[in-house]
Amino acid sequence: MNVLESEAVAGFGRVELLQVADAVAREKGIDREIVIEAMEQAIQHAGKRKFGPEHDIRAEIDRKTGDVRLRRYLEVADDIENPSTQIPVEDARERNPDAQIGDFLTDELPPIEFGRIAAQTAKQVIVQKVREAERERQYEEYKDRVGEIVNGIVKRVEYGNVTVDLGRGEALLRRDELLPRESFRRGDRVRAYIFDVRQEPRGPQVFLSRTRPEFMSKLFAQEVPEIYDQIIEIKAVARDPGSRAKIAVLSHDNSIDPVGACVGMRGSRVQAVVNELQGEKIDIIQWSPDPATFVVNALAPAEVIKVVLDEEGQRIDVVVPDDQLSLAIGRRGQNVRLASQLSGWDIDILTEHEESERRVEEFRSRSNMFIEALDVDDVIAHLLVAEGFASVDDVAFVPQEELAAIEGFDAEVADQLRERARDFLSERDRAMTEQRLKLGVSNELAEIPRLTPSMLVTLGEHGVKTLDDLADLASDELLEILPMADLSSDDADSIIMAARAHWFPDAESDQPETPTSESQEPPSSTDANPVSEPQTGDDSESAS
């Protein structure tokens, strides 16, 4: 609102009022009707200040001439509760014979001469209403544009946060969404990514970013027509904003090289993105559905000799030459960190020497474990480790013919090894059961499937001793207590739900029946471990 607008309000009844409404509507990008309604409210507010706030006073501006009419409204009523806004039926019919209860009679009021204070108040009312309409228009315009890149001009900078004028609204580019060492001044042009539009207490707010991976994806889509046409797909992006980034691409057309298309002639396409990101180095990598191949590509330019996948733990061990270790890790771990973000796998970098030492140590520790547990010599222990046996459980429940097929073994040796392994497991579980009872862990807890004696001891050491103790845990808390139990989130959920079964008596029929005994004596050593004896006499059964 400028001086002209204030004068127009003060001298309402002139055509200039409509001209001001048209100018404000065009400037703010809102509907002309909203501006005129705001002016009507301002005049109505001034009328109530002059004639009394208890009256029902309304203002109306003629949309064609700009004339202002100020009226007092009186409701025709039978029982009068407020004489300032209501009129009895008898009095109303003296003025209008056709008046009915619920109708309104109007009295024309004289024009208001706006003083300085009244004009200022009217101006504030109009400005507030226009601002609300402008904010609502901005929200409606930008709420569906999340994910787009926009260009704007820096309007102001406060404490590192940049307010950007987008032409038809304002947006906020916060300091943590700016590239490191990047600074803007008023009037600078800026390009950024809209990552959120939401209603705030002070009105709708558009939030911008220049650090998010999606910003880089959108920049490549603008520079590479094949990405825009969806011939090339960006599968993943990992960024260390302002320093380095990796982007994985896939071509849906075998005749088009995705990496070459993104690089462009003499690097022109990728260089345009690099310039926009203040010199951020970008590695363009070909995506592969094979995790091992993809991780090897992601670690470029380092050379990889061997990879070992752990699909359950989403981990991958990568072996590189001794002289390539620093290149694979990168400065401050940047290369391996970006490769891990890009692939979604936890990557552990080893040199050939480290991998050899770890393999030797693993072989030695497993051999010693078999020597102590099975009471065998080092030759047999080495054979078991060499054949891929990693635990006593593997030996106890492997099919007899598979164990006998090892060079140097026969059926008799296989049976004896399996028997010794089962005896060891039985003794171990008996000891665990005794320890569990000393800790006060209830037998009801021991009956829950998937909880082994060693798990029960660990639970007891953490104060989980009854069904209610276990039922009160969340799945992530259970996994934190039993990190070495190799439980998934679903396993933890099912264990906790089994502990909660006694809370729901109606559901007891759905639970599997548990064996009962005449006495409450703790289970014997032969019954302590549910996996110490096979379920059937079939030698081909193996433990899961």
Protein backbone atom coordinates (compact mmCIF):
# COMPACT_ATOMS: atom_id res chain seq x y z
CA MET A 1 0.00 0.00 0.00
CA ASN A 2 1.48 3.33 -1.03
CA VAL A 3 0.35 6.91 -0.42
CA LEU A 4 -2.02 6.80 -3.40
CA GLU A 5 -3.78 3.77 -1.93
CA SER A 6 -4.16 5.45 1.48
CA GLU A 7 -5.63 8.57 -0.15
CA ALA A 8 -8.00 6.45 -2.16
CA VAL A 9 -9.27 4.77 1.01
CA ALA A 10 -9.59 8.13 2.76
CA GLY A 11 -11.59 9.59 -0.10
CA PHE A 12 -13.72 6.54 -0.91
CA GLY A 13 -16.45 7.12 -3.43
CA ARG A 14 -14.00 7.93 -6.20
CA VAL A 15 -13.15 5.83 -9.23
CA GLU A 16 -9.54 5.74 -8.07
CA LEU A 17 -10.55 3.10 -5.55
CA LEU A 18 -11.13 0.56 -8.31
CA GLN A 19 -7.93 1.60 -10.06
CA VAL A 20 -5.98 0.96 -6.88
CA ALA A 21 -7.67 -2.47 -6.52
CA ASP A 22 -6.71 -3.34 -10.09
CA ALA A 23 -3.09 -2.22 -9.56
CA VAL A 24 -2.68 -4.16 -6.30
CA ALA A 25 -4.24 -7.29 -7.83
CA ARG A 26 -1.84 -7.16 -10.79
CA GLU A 27 1.21 -6.45 -8.65
CA LYS A 28 0.53 -9.19 -6.09
CA GLY A 29 -0.86 -11.72 -8.54
CA ILE A 30 -4.16 -12.16 -6.71
CA ASP A 31 -7.82 -11.80 -7.62
CA ARG A 32 -9.19 -8.24 -7.89
CA GLU A 33 -12.27 -9.28 -5.93
CA ILE A 34 -10.11 -10.20 -2.92
CA VAL A 35 -8.62 -6.67 -2.88
CA ILE A 36 -12.03 -5.02 -3.09
CA GLU A 37 -13.36 -7.24 -0.28
CA ALA A 38 -10.36 -6.21 1.84
CA MET A 39 -11.20 -2.54 1.19
CA GLU A 40 -14.81 -3.18 2.19
CA GLN A 41 -13.68 -4.74 5.45
CA ALA A 42 -11.40 -1.77 6.12
CA ILE A 43 -14.25 0.74 5.57
CA GLN A 44 -16.59 -1.44 7.64
CA HIS A 45 -14.02 -1.47 10.45
CA ALA A 46 -13.82 2.36 10.32
CA GLY A 47 -17.61 2.60 10.37
CA LYS A 48 -17.84 0.52 13.53
CA ARG A 49 -15.22 2.73 15.19
CA LYS A 50 -17.34 5.83 14.42
CA PHE A 51 -20.88 4.58 15.04
CA GLY A 52 -20.12 1.93 17.68
CA PRO A 53 -18.84 -1.66 17.51
CA GLU A 54 -22.18 -2.99 18.81
CA HIS A 55 -23.89 -2.18 15.50
CA ASP A 56 -23.98 -4.52 12.49
CA ILE A 57 -22.39 -2.18 9.95
CA ARG A 58 -21.44 -3.32 6.48
CA ALA A 59 -19.74 -1.56 3.62
CA GLU A 60 -20.25 -2.23 -0.08
CA ILE A 61 -18.18 -0.95 -2.99
CA ASP A 62 -19.86 -0.77 -6.39
CA ARG A 63 -17.70 -2.88 -8.72
CA LYS A 64 -18.39 -0.56 -11.68
CA THR A 65 -18.48 2.98 -10.30
CA GLY A 66 -16.44 2.65 -7.14
CA ASP A 67 -19.18 4.25 -5.03
CA VAL A 68 -19.19 3.19 -1.39
CA ARG A 69 -22.38 2.54 0.55
CA LEU A 70 -22.28 2.20 4.31
CA ARG A 71 -25.33 0.61 5.95
CA ARG A 72 -26.52 -0.54 9.33
CA TYR A 73 -28.35 -3.89 9.31
CA LEU A 74 -31.22 -4.71 11.71
CA GLU A 75 -32.62 -8.22 11.99
CA VAL A 76 -36.38 -8.58 12.39
CA ALA A 77 -36.95 -10.63 15.55
CA ASP A 78 -39.76 -11.61 17.90
CA ASP A 79 -37.71 -11.70 21.10
CA ILE A 80 -35.22 -8.85 21.19
CA GLU A 81 -31.87 -9.82 22.68
CA ASN A 82 -29.70 -7.02 21.26
CA PRO A 83 -31.49 -3.77 20.37
CA SER A 84 -28.43 -2.56 18.44
CA THR A 85 -28.71 -5.34 15.85
CA GLN A 86 -32.39 -6.40 16.15
CA ILE A 87 -35.77 -4.69 15.66
CA PRO A 88 -39.21 -5.85 16.86
CA VAL A 89 -41.64 -7.16 14.25
CA GLU A 90 -44.16 -4.36 14.92
CA ASP A 91 -41.59 -1.59 14.38
CA ALA A 92 -40.22 -3.32 11.31
CA ARG A 93 -43.68 -3.54 9.70
CA GLU A 94 -44.19 0.18 10.21
CA ARG A 95 -41.19 0.65 7.92
CA ASN A 96 -41.90 -2.28 5.64
CA PRO A 97 -45.34 -3.96 5.79
CA ASP A 98 -43.93 -7.14 4.25
CA ALA A 99 -41.21 -7.62 6.89
CA GLN A 100 -40.96 -11.15 8.30
CA ILE A 101 -38.99 -12.61 11.22
CA GLY A 102 -35.43 -13.25 10.04
CA ASP A 103 -35.45 -10.46 7.42
CA PHE A 104 -33.00 -7.57 7.57
CA LEU A 105 -33.77 -3.85 7.36
CA THR A 106 -31.01 -1.43 6.38
CA ASP A 107 -30.30 2.17 7.31
CA GLU A 108 -28.09 4.27 5.07
CA LEU A 109 -25.24 5.87 7.01
CA PRO A 110 -23.48 9.13 6.08
CA PRO A 111 -20.03 8.95 4.47
CA ILE A 112 -17.04 8.74 6.79
CA GLU A 113 -14.38 11.40 6.73
CA PHE A 114 -11.18 9.44 7.28
CA GLY A 115 -8.68 11.07 9.56
CA ARG A 116 -5.02 10.15 9.64
CA ILE A 117 -5.47 7.41 12.25
CA ALA A 118 -8.55 5.94 10.57
CA ALA A 119 -6.81 5.89 7.20
CA GLN A 120 -3.77 4.20 8.72
CA THR A 121 -5.98 1.56 10.37
CA ALA A 122 -7.80 0.94 7.09
CA LYS A 123 -4.47 0.62 5.31
CA GLN A 124 -3.28 -2.02 7.82
CA VAL A 125 -6.46 -4.04 7.38
CA ILE A 126 -6.12 -3.99 3.60
CA VAL A 127 -2.41 -4.85 3.68
CA GLN A 128 -3.07 -7.79 6.01
CA LYS A 129 -5.86 -9.21 3.85
CA VAL A 130 -3.82 -8.79 0.67
CA ARG A 131 -0.83 -10.46 2.30
CA GLU A 132 -2.96 -13.45 3.38
CA ALA A 133 -4.36 -13.80 -0.13
CA GLU A 134 -0.85 -13.54 -1.60
CA ARG A 135 0.45 -16.29 0.70
CA GLU A 136 -2.46 -18.58 -0.13
CA ARG A 137 -1.88 -17.99 -3.84
CA GLN A 138 1.82 -18.77 -3.42
CA TYR A 139 1.07 -22.04 -1.61
CA GLU A 140 -1.41 -23.16 -4.25
CA GLU A 141 1.06 -22.34 -7.00
CA TYR A 142 4.12 -24.09 -5.53
CA LYS A 143 2.66 -27.02 -3.56
CA ASP A 144 2.68 -29.22 -6.69
CA ARG A 145 6.14 -28.07 -7.84
CA VAL A 146 8.19 -29.99 -5.28
CA GLY A 147 11.04 -31.66 -7.14
CA GLU A 148 11.52 -28.87 -9.70
CA ILE A 149 14.49 -26.57 -10.26
CA VAL A 150 13.68 -22.87 -10.09
CA ASN A 151 15.60 -19.68 -10.84
CA GLY A 152 15.36 -16.60 -8.67
CA ILE A 153 17.05 -13.43 -7.50
CA VAL A 154 18.51 -13.02 -4.03
CA LYS A 155 16.28 -10.63 -2.11
CA ARG A 156 18.10 -10.58 1.22
CA VAL A 157 20.62 -12.57 3.27
CA GLU A 158 20.13 -12.96 7.03
CA TYR A 159 22.52 -15.01 9.20
CA GLY A 160 23.55 -17.05 6.16
CA ASN A 161 19.95 -17.86 5.18
CA VAL A 162 19.06 -16.59 1.70
CA THR A 163 15.60 -15.31 0.78
CA VAL A 164 15.02 -15.78 -2.95
CA ASP A 165 12.50 -13.86 -5.04
CA LEU A 166 10.94 -16.33 -7.49
CA GLY A 167 8.87 -13.68 -9.27
CA ARG A 168 5.50 -14.89 -8.01
CA GLY A 169 6.60 -15.65 -4.49
CA GLU A 170 9.50 -15.96 -2.08
CA ALA A 171 11.51 -19.01 -1.09
CA LEU A 172 14.04 -19.77 1.64
CA LEU A 173 17.48 -21.22 0.94
CA ARG A 174 18.82 -22.11 4.38
CA ARG A 175 22.50 -22.00 5.24
CA ASP A 176 22.76 -25.80 5.61
CA GLU A 177 21.30 -26.22 2.11
CA LEU A 178 24.04 -24.08 0.53
CA LEU A 179 27.31 -25.43 -0.83
CA PRO A 180 30.33 -24.93 1.46
CA ARG A 181 32.10 -21.60 0.98
CA GLU A 182 29.21 -20.45 -1.23
CA SER A 183 27.94 -16.93 -0.60
CA PHE A 184 25.31 -14.76 -2.27
CA ARG A 185 24.62 -11.05 -2.29
CA ARG A 186 21.45 -9.15 -2.91
CA GLY A 187 20.63 -9.14 -6.62
CA ASP A 188 22.57 -12.34 -7.46
CA ARG A 189 20.81 -14.93 -9.59
CA VAL A 190 20.49 -18.38 -8.02
CA ARG A 191 19.28 -21.76 -9.21
CA ALA A 192 18.01 -24.28 -6.64
CA TYR A 193 15.82 -27.33 -6.08
CA ILE A 194 12.39 -27.14 -4.39
CA PHE A 195 12.41 -29.91 -1.78
CA ASP A 196 9.47 -28.85 0.38
CA VAL A 197 6.45 -26.55 0.41
CA ARG A 198 4.46 -26.37 3.61
CA GLN A 199 2.22 -24.14 5.68
CA GLU A 200 4.04 -22.31 8.46
CA PRO A 201 2.53 -20.22 11.31
CA ARG A 202 3.57 -17.08 9.41
CA GLY A 203 2.23 -18.43 6.12
CA PRO A 204 3.25 -20.92 3.44
CA GLN A 205 6.98 -21.36 2.89
CA VAL A 206 8.91 -22.71 -0.10
CA PHE A 207 12.21 -24.39 0.86
CA LEU A 208 15.11 -24.64 -1.58
CA SER A 209 18.32 -26.68 -1.63
CA ARG A 210 21.56 -26.79 -3.58
CA THR A 211 23.12 -29.71 -1.66
CA ARG A 212 20.61 -32.53 -2.14
CA PRO A 213 21.32 -35.39 -4.58
CA GLU A 214 18.06 -34.66 -6.40
CA PHE A 215 19.41 -31.25 -7.41
CA MET A 216 22.26 -32.91 -9.28
CA SER A 217 19.84 -35.37 -10.93
CA LYS A 218 17.67 -32.50 -12.18
CA LEU A 219 20.70 -30.60 -13.48
CA PHE A 220 21.78 -33.63 -15.51
CA ALA A 221 18.23 -34.01 -16.83
CA GLN A 222 18.42 -30.41 -18.09
CA GLU A 223 21.82 -30.92 -19.72
CA VAL A 224 21.37 -34.46 -21.11
CA PRO A 225 18.38 -34.88 -23.49
CA GLU A 226 18.59 -38.68 -23.21
CA ILE A 227 17.83 -38.43 -19.47
CA TYR A 228 14.92 -36.08 -20.11
CA ASP A 229 13.60 -38.51 -22.74
CA GLN A 230 14.05 -41.40 -20.24
CA ILE A 231 16.42 -43.27 -22.55
CA ILE A 232 19.04 -42.99 -19.81
CA GLU A 233 17.99 -43.43 -16.18
CA ILE A 234 19.77 -42.04 -13.14
CA LYS A 235 19.69 -44.95 -10.66
CA ALA A 236 21.53 -43.40 -7.71
CA VAL A 237 23.37 -40.25 -6.65
CA ALA A 238 25.75 -39.74 -3.72
CA ARG A 239 27.20 -36.34 -2.90
CA ASP A 240 29.72 -34.71 -0.65
CA PRO A 241 28.36 -31.22 -1.49
CA GLY A 242 30.91 -28.86 -2.97
CA SER A 243 33.66 -31.48 -3.05
CA ARG A 244 32.83 -34.70 -4.91
CA ALA A 245 29.89 -36.75 -6.15
CA LYS A 246 29.15 -40.09 -7.78
CA ILE A 247 26.21 -40.71 -10.07
CA ALA A 248 25.12 -44.14 -11.39
CA VAL A 249 23.39 -44.25 -14.77
CA LEU A 250 21.73 -46.97 -16.86
CA SER A 251 20.86 -46.93 -20.56
CA HIS A 252 17.62 -48.51 -21.79
CA ASP A 253 19.00 -48.44 -25.33
CA ASN A 254 21.93 -50.78 -25.99
CA SER A 255 23.23 -48.50 -28.72
CA ILE A 256 23.73 -45.58 -26.31
CA ASP A 257 26.60 -45.42 -23.83
CA PRO A 258 25.11 -43.84 -20.68
CA VAL A 259 28.44 -42.60 -19.32
CA GLY A 260 29.50 -41.05 -22.62
CA ALA A 261 26.11 -39.36 -23.09
CA CYS A 262 26.33 -37.77 -19.64
CA VAL A 263 29.91 -36.61 -20.20
CA GLY A 264 29.09 -35.07 -23.57
CA MET A 265 31.33 -33.88 -26.36
CA ARG A 266 34.69 -32.99 -24.77
CA GLY A 267 32.97 -33.08 -21.39
CA SER A 268 30.64 -30.17 -22.19
CA ARG A 269 27.55 -31.63 -20.49
CA VAL A 270 29.14 -32.68 -17.23
CA GLN A 271 31.18 -29.47 -17.15
CA ALA A 272 27.97 -27.41 -17.19
CA VAL A 273 26.80 -29.25 -14.08
CA VAL A 274 30.23 -28.91 -12.44
CA ASN A 275 30.20 -25.14 -13.02
CA GLU A 276 26.75 -24.81 -11.45
CA LEU A 277 27.96 -26.76 -8.40
CA GLN A 278 31.02 -24.56 -7.84
CA GLY A 279 33.55 -27.05 -9.23
CA GLU A 280 32.24 -30.19 -7.50
CA LYS A 281 34.01 -33.21 -9.04
CA ILE A 282 31.60 -35.78 -10.48
CA ASP A 283 32.30 -39.47 -11.15
CA ILE A 284 29.82 -40.94 -13.65
CA ILE A 285 29.44 -44.70 -13.16
CA GLN A 286 27.56 -47.34 -15.12
CA TRP A 287 24.95 -49.00 -12.92
CA SER A 288 24.80 -52.81 -12.72
CA PRO A 289 22.17 -55.11 -11.16
CA ASP A 290 25.01 -57.25 -9.81
CA PRO A 291 26.06 -55.76 -6.45
CA ALA A 292 29.68 -56.89 -6.77
CA THR A 293 30.10 -55.35 -10.22
CA PHE A 294 28.35 -52.17 -9.14
CA VAL A 295 30.56 -51.74 -6.06
CA VAL A 296 33.69 -52.33 -8.15
CA ASN A 297 32.50 -49.61 -10.59
CA ALA A 298 31.61 -47.29 -7.71
CA LEU A 299 35.11 -47.52 -6.21
CA ALA A 300 36.72 -46.28 -9.43
CA PRO A 301 39.37 -45.14 -10.04
CA ALA A 302 40.70 -47.69 -7.53
CA GLU A 303 41.53 -51.18 -8.84
CA VAL A 304 39.72 -54.11 -7.15
CA ILE A 305 41.10 -57.66 -6.98
CA LYS A 306 38.35 -59.53 -5.14
CA VAL A 307 35.00 -58.95 -3.45
CA VAL A 308 33.22 -61.05 -0.80
CA LEU A 309 29.49 -60.47 -0.31
CA ASP A 310 27.48 -60.88 2.89
CA GLU A 311 23.95 -60.50 1.54
CA GLU A 312 22.22 -60.93 4.90
CA GLY A 313 24.24 -58.18 6.54
CA GLN A 314 24.38 -56.04 3.36
CA ARG A 315 28.15 -55.93 3.75
CA ILE A 316 30.86 -56.38 1.18
CA ASP A 317 34.61 -56.91 1.69
CA VAL A 318 36.70 -55.44 -1.11
CA VAL A 319 40.32 -56.50 -1.60
CA VAL A 320 42.64 -54.04 -3.38
CA PRO A 321 46.39 -54.06 -4.07
CA ASP A 322 48.52 -52.64 -1.28
CA ASP A 323 49.45 -49.57 -3.32
CA GLN A 324 45.77 -48.85 -4.15
CA LEU A 325 44.49 -48.65 -0.56
CA SER A 326 44.69 -44.86 -0.19
CA LEU A 327 43.10 -44.37 -3.62
CA ALA A 328 40.21 -46.72 -2.78
CA ILE A 329 39.54 -45.07 0.56
CA GLY A 330 40.00 -41.54 -0.72
CA ARG A 331 40.82 -38.42 1.21
CA ARG A 332 39.24 -38.67 4.64
CA GLY A 333 37.40 -41.80 3.46
CA GLN A 334 35.47 -39.84 0.84
CA ASN A 335 35.69 -42.37 -2.02
CA VAL A 336 34.57 -45.42 -0.06
CA ARG A 337 31.89 -43.39 1.76
CA LEU A 338 30.33 -42.16 -1.48
CA ALA A 339 30.55 -45.65 -3.00
CA SER A 340 28.75 -47.04 0.05
CA GLN A 341 25.99 -44.40 -0.21
CA LEU A 342 25.66 -45.02 -3.92
CA SER A 343 25.39 -48.81 -3.68
CA GLY A 344 23.58 -49.11 -0.34
CA TRP A 345 26.15 -51.65 0.90
CA ASP A 346 28.55 -51.33 3.82
CA ILE A 347 32.00 -51.55 2.25
CA ASP A 348 35.11 -52.75 4.07
CA ILE A 349 38.38 -52.09 2.22
CA LEU A 350 41.25 -54.57 2.72
CA THR A 351 44.67 -54.84 1.16
CA GLU A 352 45.90 -58.20 -0.16
CA HIS A 353 48.20 -58.51 2.83
CA GLU A 354 45.43 -57.72 5.35
CA GLU A 355 43.03 -60.12 3.66
CA SER A 356 45.64 -62.88 3.73
CA GLU A 357 46.34 -62.30 7.42
CA ARG A 358 42.63 -62.28 8.25
CA ARG A 359 42.08 -65.49 6.32
CA VAL A 360 44.95 -67.17 8.17
CA GLU A 361 43.68 -65.97 11.55
CA GLU A 362 40.15 -67.11 10.76
CA PHE A 363 41.46 -70.53 9.69
CA ARG A 364 43.50 -70.84 12.89
CA SER A 365 40.68 -69.79 15.24
CA ARG A 366 38.17 -72.15 13.61
CA SER A 367 40.66 -75.00 13.72
CA ASN A 368 41.29 -74.43 17.43
CA MET A 369 37.56 -74.31 18.06
CA PHE A 370 37.06 -77.73 16.41
CA ILE A 371 40.09 -79.19 18.24
CA GLU A 372 38.68 -78.14 21.63
CA ALA A 373 35.00 -78.87 20.96
CA LEU A 374 35.35 -82.21 19.12
CA ASP A 375 38.58 -83.45 20.74
CA VAL A 376 40.24 -84.09 17.37
CA ASP A 377 43.76 -83.52 16.09
CA ASP A 378 44.74 -80.54 13.99
CA VAL A 379 44.66 -82.52 10.73
CA ILE A 380 40.93 -83.30 11.02
CA ALA A 381 40.21 -79.75 12.24
CA HIS A 382 42.03 -78.29 9.24
CA LEU A 383 40.08 -80.54 6.88
CA LEU A 384 36.76 -79.39 8.39
CA VAL A 385 37.70 -75.72 8.06
CA ALA A 386 38.97 -76.24 4.53
CA GLU A 387 35.63 -77.82 3.57
CA GLY A 388 33.76 -74.71 4.78
CA PHE A 389 32.52 -75.82 8.22
CA ALA A 390 32.30 -72.70 10.40
CA SER A 391 30.69 -73.97 13.63
CA VAL A 392 30.03 -77.07 15.69
CA ASP A 393 26.36 -76.84 14.69
CA ASP A 394 27.39 -77.33 11.06
CA VAL A 395 29.12 -80.61 11.96
CA ALA A 396 26.33 -81.83 14.26
CA PHE A 397 23.56 -81.69 11.69
CA VAL A 398 25.26 -82.09 8.34
CA PRO A 399 24.07 -85.17 6.39
CA GLN A 400 26.27 -88.16 7.19
CA GLU A 401 27.10 -88.89 3.55
CA GLU A 402 28.28 -85.30 2.99
CA LEU A 403 30.68 -85.51 5.92
CA ALA A 404 31.88 -88.96 4.85
CA ALA A 405 32.61 -87.66 1.34
CA ILE A 406 35.50 -85.52 2.62
CA GLU A 407 38.84 -86.95 1.51
CA GLY A 408 40.32 -89.03 4.34
CA PHE A 409 36.97 -89.51 6.11
CA ASP A 410 34.63 -92.51 6.02
CA ALA A 411 31.19 -93.28 7.42
CA GLU A 412 32.58 -94.30 10.81
CA VAL A 413 34.58 -91.08 11.19
CA ALA A 414 31.58 -89.02 10.06
CA ASP A 415 29.26 -90.67 12.62
CA GLN A 416 31.80 -90.19 15.41
CA LEU A 417 32.31 -86.49 14.55
CA ARG A 418 28.57 -85.89 14.48
CA GLU A 419 28.11 -87.64 17.80
CA ARG A 420 30.89 -85.62 19.44
CA ALA A 421 29.43 -82.39 18.04
CA ARG A 422 25.98 -83.21 19.43
CA ASP A 423 27.43 -84.15 22.80
CA PHE A 424 29.27 -80.82 22.90
CA LEU A 425 26.13 -78.87 22.04
CA SER A 426 24.12 -80.79 24.63
CA GLU A 427 26.68 -80.11 27.35
CA ARG A 428 26.93 -76.46 26.38
CA ASP A 429 23.17 -76.00 26.49
CA ARG A 430 22.95 -77.82 29.83
CA ALA A 431 25.48 -75.38 31.28
CA MET A 432 23.57 -72.46 29.77
CA THR A 433 20.31 -73.77 31.25
CA GLU A 434 21.86 -73.94 34.71
CA GLN A 435 23.14 -70.40 34.31
CA ARG A 436 19.72 -69.29 33.09
CA LEU A 437 18.02 -70.74 36.18
CA LYS A 438 20.58 -69.05 38.45
CA LEU A 439 19.72 -65.76 36.80
CA GLY A 440 16.01 -66.36 37.50
CA VAL A 441 14.84 -66.55 33.88
CA SER A 442 11.43 -68.25 33.88
CA ASN A 443 10.66 -71.56 32.16
CA GLU A 444 7.81 -69.86 30.28
CA LEU A 445 10.37 -67.64 28.59
CA ALA A 446 12.42 -70.71 27.65
CA GLU A 447 9.42 -72.18 25.81
CA ILE A 448 9.28 -69.36 23.24
CA PRO A 449 10.49 -70.58 19.82
CA ARG A 450 13.85 -69.32 18.47
CA LEU A 451 15.17 -68.40 21.92
CA THR A 452 18.21 -70.62 22.50
CA PRO A 453 19.74 -71.20 25.96
CA SER A 454 22.57 -68.77 25.22
CA MET A 455 20.04 -66.10 24.19
CA LEU A 456 18.08 -66.70 27.40
CA VAL A 457 21.23 -66.20 29.47
CA THR A 458 21.94 -62.93 27.66
CA LEU A 459 18.37 -61.78 28.25
CA GLY A 460 18.67 -62.66 31.95
CA GLU A 461 21.88 -60.66 32.22
CA HIS A 462 19.97 -57.66 30.84
CA GLY A 463 17.12 -58.06 33.34
CA VAL A 464 14.64 -59.74 30.97
CA LYS A 465 13.47 -62.70 33.06
CA THR A 466 9.69 -63.08 32.56
CA LEU A 467 7.21 -63.07 29.71
CA ASP A 468 6.09 -59.57 30.70
CA ASP A 469 9.69 -58.31 30.67
CA LEU A 470 10.11 -59.57 27.11
CA ALA A 471 6.66 -58.41 26.03
CA ASP A 472 7.45 -54.84 27.11
CA LEU A 473 10.43 -54.64 24.73
CA ALA A 474 10.36 -53.15 21.25
CA SER A 475 11.89 -55.16 18.42
CA ASP A 476 14.88 -52.81 18.08
CA GLU A 477 15.56 -53.14 21.83
CA LEU A 478 15.56 -56.95 21.54
CA LEU A 479 17.96 -56.81 18.58
CA GLU A 480 20.23 -54.50 20.59
CA ILE A 481 20.31 -56.98 23.49
CA LEU A 482 20.99 -59.95 21.16
CA PRO A 483 23.32 -58.53 18.50
CA MET A 484 25.05 -61.88 17.82
CA ALA A 485 21.86 -63.91 17.57
CA ASP A 486 21.45 -63.35 13.82
CA LEU A 487 17.81 -62.31 14.23
CA SER A 488 15.92 -60.27 11.65
CA SER A 489 13.36 -57.60 12.52
CA ASP A 490 10.58 -60.06 11.64
CA ASP A 491 12.11 -62.68 13.96
CA ALA A 492 12.25 -60.15 16.80
CA ASP A 493 8.63 -59.14 16.17
CA SER A 494 7.43 -62.76 16.26
CA ILE A 495 9.35 -63.47 19.50
CA ILE A 496 7.85 -60.42 21.19
CA MET A 497 4.35 -61.25 19.96
CA ALA A 498 4.74 -64.78 21.34
CA ALA A 499 5.64 -63.26 24.72
CA ARG A 500 2.55 -61.05 24.56
CA ALA A 501 0.21 -63.96 23.75
CA HIS A 502 -0.79 -64.39 27.41
CA TRP A 503 -2.13 -60.82 27.37
CA PHE A 504 -4.86 -61.94 24.95
CA PRO A 505 -6.64 -65.03 26.35
CA ASP A 506 -8.95 -65.23 23.32
CA ALA A 507 -5.95 -65.81 21.08
CA GLU A 508 -4.50 -68.68 23.10
CA SER A 509 -6.13 -71.22 20.84
CA ASP A 510 -4.11 -69.82 17.94
CA GLN A 511 -0.80 -70.39 19.75
CA PRO A 512 1.00 -73.73 19.37
CA GLU A 513 0.58 -76.01 22.36
CA THR A 514 3.61 -76.27 24.61
CA PRO A 515 4.51 -79.57 26.29
CA THR A 516 3.53 -79.88 29.93
CA SER A 517 4.85 -82.14 32.65
CA GLU A 518 3.47 -83.31 35.96
CA SER A 519 6.21 -81.58 37.93
CA GLN A 520 7.65 -78.09 37.68
CA GLU A 521 11.22 -79.40 37.69
CA PRO A 522 13.55 -77.66 35.21
CA PRO A 523 14.18 -79.59 32.00
CA SER A 524 16.93 -82.18 32.08
CA SER A 525 20.19 -81.71 30.23
CA THR A 526 18.95 -83.81 27.33
CA ASP A 527 15.87 -81.55 26.93
CA ALA A 528 17.59 -78.23 27.52
CA ASN A 529 18.57 -77.58 23.95
CA PRO A 530 15.87 -77.87 21.30
CA VAL A 531 18.52 -78.38 18.62
CA SER A 532 20.79 -80.77 20.49
CA GLU A 533 18.93 -83.77 19.02
CA PRO A 534 17.44 -83.99 15.52
CA GLN A 535 13.65 -83.86 15.22
CA THR A 536 13.56 -87.25 13.45
CA GLY A 537 15.89 -90.13 12.90
CA ASP A 538 16.59 -89.00 9.37
CA ASP A 539 20.33 -88.31 9.08
CA SER A 540 19.76 -86.02 6.11
CA GLU A 541 18.08 -83.33 8.23
CA SER A 542 20.17 -80.23 8.88
CA ALA A 543 19.71 -77.37 11.27
CA SER A 544 18.61 -74.05 9.91
